[in-house]
Protein backbone atom coordinates (compact mmCIF):
# COMPACT_ATOMS: atom_id res chain seq x y z
CA MET A 1 0.01 0.01 0.00
CA ASN A 2 1.47 3.44 -0.92
CA ASP A 3 1.09 6.84 0.78
CA SER A 4 -1.99 7.89 -1.17
CA GLN A 5 -4.04 4.85 -0.11
CA HIS A 6 -5.64 4.33 3.28
CA GLU A 7 -7.22 1.17 4.62
CA HIS A 8 -10.02 1.35 7.07
CA ALA A 9 -10.79 -1.15 9.84
CA ASP A 10 -13.48 -2.76 7.70
CA GLY A 11 -10.95 -3.55 4.98
CA ILE A 12 -12.08 -0.90 2.48
CA THR A 13 -9.11 0.76 0.79
CA GLU A 14 -9.52 4.40 -0.45
CA ALA A 15 -7.18 5.98 -2.98
CA HIS A 16 -6.57 9.67 -2.47
CA LYS A 17 -5.19 11.78 -5.28
CA PRO A 18 -3.12 14.83 -4.37
CA VAL A 19 -4.88 18.22 -4.85
CA PRO A 20 -3.76 19.84 -8.12
CA SER A 21 -1.55 22.89 -7.63
CA TYR A 22 -3.73 25.11 -9.78
CA PHE A 23 -6.51 24.61 -7.23
CA TYR A 24 -4.36 26.26 -4.55
CA VAL A 25 -3.53 29.14 -6.90
CA LEU A 26 -7.17 29.67 -7.73
CA PHE A 27 -8.36 29.30 -4.16
CA PHE A 28 -5.89 31.70 -2.58
CA GLY A 29 -6.06 34.03 -5.55
CA LEU A 30 -9.85 34.39 -5.06
CA ILE A 31 -9.37 35.08 -1.37
CA ILE A 32 -6.82 37.81 -2.13
CA TRP A 33 -9.13 39.28 -4.82
CA ALA A 34 -12.07 39.29 -2.36
CA VAL A 35 -10.05 41.13 0.32
CA ILE A 36 -8.92 43.78 -2.21
CA PHE A 37 -12.43 44.11 -3.63
CA MET A 38 -14.02 44.60 -0.22
CA ALA A 39 -11.27 47.00 0.92
CA TYR A 40 -11.80 49.11 -2.20
CA PHE A 41 -15.53 49.59 -1.59
CA LEU A 42 -15.21 49.97 2.17
CA LEU A 43 -12.35 52.51 2.08
CA SER A 44 -13.14 54.45 -1.11
CA GLY A 45 -16.24 56.17 0.26
CA TRP A 46 -18.49 54.54 -2.33
CA SER A 47 -22.05 54.18 -1.22
CA SER A 48 -24.75 52.16 -2.93
CA ASP A 49 -27.33 54.52 -1.42
CA ALA A 50 -25.61 57.57 -2.86
CA GLU A 51 -25.29 55.90 -6.24
CA PHE A 52 -29.02 54.96 -6.11
CA GLN A 53 -30.00 58.53 -5.19
CA GLU A 54 -27.95 59.94 -8.10
CA LYS A 55 -29.52 57.53 -10.57
CA MET A 56 -33.03 58.14 -9.28
CA ALA A 57 -32.45 61.94 -9.47
CA ALA A 58 -31.30 61.55 -13.06
CA HIS A 59 -34.30 59.43 -13.84
CA THR A 60 -36.93 61.64 -12.20
CA GLY A 61 -35.26 64.98 -12.96
CA GLU A 62 -35.12 65.97 -9.26
CA PRO A 63 -31.96 67.28 -7.60
CA VAL A 64 -29.83 64.86 -5.55
CA GLN A 65 -30.30 65.24 -1.77
CA ALA A 66 -27.12 66.18 -0.03
CA THR A 67 -25.63 63.25 1.85
CA ALA A 68 -22.53 62.93 3.95
CA GLU A 69 -19.53 63.10 1.58
CA PRO A 70 -16.10 61.89 2.33
CA ALA A 71 -13.73 64.68 3.48
CA ALA A 72 -11.66 64.34 0.28
CA SER A 73 -14.58 65.55 -1.87
CA ALA A 74 -15.58 68.53 0.22
CA PRO A 75 -16.36 71.70 -1.81
CA ALA A 76 -13.61 74.18 -2.45
CA ALA A 77 -13.44 77.28 -0.28
CA GLU A 78 -15.85 80.03 -1.11
CA PRO A 79 -14.31 82.50 -3.64
CA ALA A 80 -13.62 85.95 -2.25
CA GLY A 81 -16.49 88.33 -2.67
CA SER A 82 -19.19 85.73 -3.34
CA ALA A 83 -22.47 85.64 -1.51
CA PRO A 84 -22.09 83.91 1.84
CA GLY A 85 -24.79 81.31 1.17
CA GLY A 86 -23.74 80.58 -2.42
CA GLN A 87 -21.36 77.76 -1.55
CA ALA A 88 -23.86 76.16 0.86
CA LEU A 89 -26.64 76.37 -1.76
CA TYR A 90 -24.29 74.91 -4.38
CA SER A 91 -23.29 72.03 -2.10
CA ALA A 92 -26.93 71.25 -1.26
CA ASN A 93 -28.44 71.57 -4.75
CA CYS A 94 -25.79 71.39 -7.47
CA ALA A 95 -22.78 69.35 -6.31
CA GLY A 96 -24.58 66.06 -6.86
CA CYS A 97 -24.54 66.56 -10.63
CA HIS A 98 -21.83 69.16 -11.21
CA GLY A 99 -19.30 67.79 -8.72
CA ALA A 100 -18.18 69.09 -5.37
CA ASP A 101 -15.47 71.20 -7.11
CA ALA A 102 -17.87 72.24 -9.96
CA THR A 103 -15.67 70.64 -12.61
CA GLY A 104 -18.48 68.40 -13.87
CA GLY A 105 -19.76 64.92 -13.37
CA PHE A 106 -23.22 64.02 -14.52
CA GLY A 107 -23.71 67.74 -15.14
CA THR A 108 -21.47 70.11 -17.05
CA ASP A 109 -18.27 71.80 -15.91
CA LEU A 110 -19.23 75.06 -14.20
CA THR A 111 -15.63 76.33 -14.00
CA ALA A 112 -15.49 76.63 -17.81
CA ALA A 113 -14.97 79.98 -19.49
CA THR A 114 -18.28 79.64 -21.30
CA TYR A 115 -21.48 77.72 -20.74
CA GLN A 116 -23.57 76.06 -23.33
CA TYR A 117 -26.55 78.35 -22.65
CA GLY A 118 -24.50 81.47 -21.91
CA LYS A 119 -22.56 82.73 -18.87
CA THR A 120 -24.25 86.03 -18.22
CA PRO A 121 -26.11 86.48 -14.92
CA ASP A 122 -29.44 86.37 -16.75
CA ASP A 123 -28.54 83.19 -18.63
CA ILE A 124 -27.42 81.43 -15.47
CA LYS A 125 -30.48 82.60 -13.57
CA GLU A 126 -32.66 81.22 -16.37
CA SER A 127 -30.84 77.87 -16.27
CA ILE A 128 -31.16 77.50 -12.51
CA ALA A 129 -34.76 78.67 -12.27
CA ASN A 130 -36.23 76.79 -15.26
CA GLY A 131 -33.73 74.05 -16.02
CA ARG A 132 -32.18 73.15 -19.36
CA GLY A 133 -32.37 70.39 -21.95
CA GLY A 134 -34.30 67.83 -19.92
CA SER A 135 -31.30 66.86 -17.83
CA MET A 136 -31.03 70.04 -15.76
CA PRO A 137 -34.08 70.40 -13.46
CA GLY A 138 -35.56 73.77 -12.66
CA PHE A 139 -35.20 75.02 -9.08
CA SER A 140 -37.65 77.92 -9.08
CA GLY A 141 -40.01 75.96 -6.92
CA GLN A 142 -37.30 75.00 -4.40
CA LEU A 143 -35.16 78.14 -4.23
CA SER A 144 -36.20 81.75 -3.69
CA PRO A 145 -35.15 84.41 -6.17
CA ALA A 146 -32.58 85.68 -3.58
CA GLU A 147 -31.08 82.17 -3.28
CA ILE A 148 -30.88 81.85 -7.05
CA ASP A 149 -29.08 85.21 -7.15
CA GLN A 150 -26.64 83.90 -4.50
CA LEU A 151 -25.99 80.83 -6.63
CA VAL A 152 -25.47 83.00 -9.73
CA ASP A 153 -22.91 85.17 -7.87
CA TYR A 154 -21.14 82.06 -6.58
CA LEU A 155 -20.95 80.46 -10.04
CA LEU A 156 -19.67 83.61 -11.72
CA LYS A 157 -16.81 83.82 -9.18
CA LEU A 158 -15.62 80.19 -9.68
């Protein structure tokens, strides 16, 4: 009887084959991949709820509700001379689509020299109040005219 065979008390002999080496590579490789995969999603700040809210907002045309963001994606400091509430209004109503730093995301880049629908105060006010092109919702029902003016001032100073 060789090392890969075992005899039981009842006389039955079992032959055991060694486990193929590729099985160990696959098994431990999958464990390493799982640890890296979980670490990425746990440590990257990704949230399935935030992703769901963004997709629902895009689907329904409503603005994304502000949720707790990781510290790394906090909005930039308020530009000098802008309205004091402009940055807070931007963070609460615009950052979900246009990015915390206003360089774009689902929405367009608001730091660009020109905007698709014009970069005058009146053009920006029109875009915020009434929306644009089916993807930008209007905020006239959610923001007062003074708040829209604060957002306009904030965007023009970016």
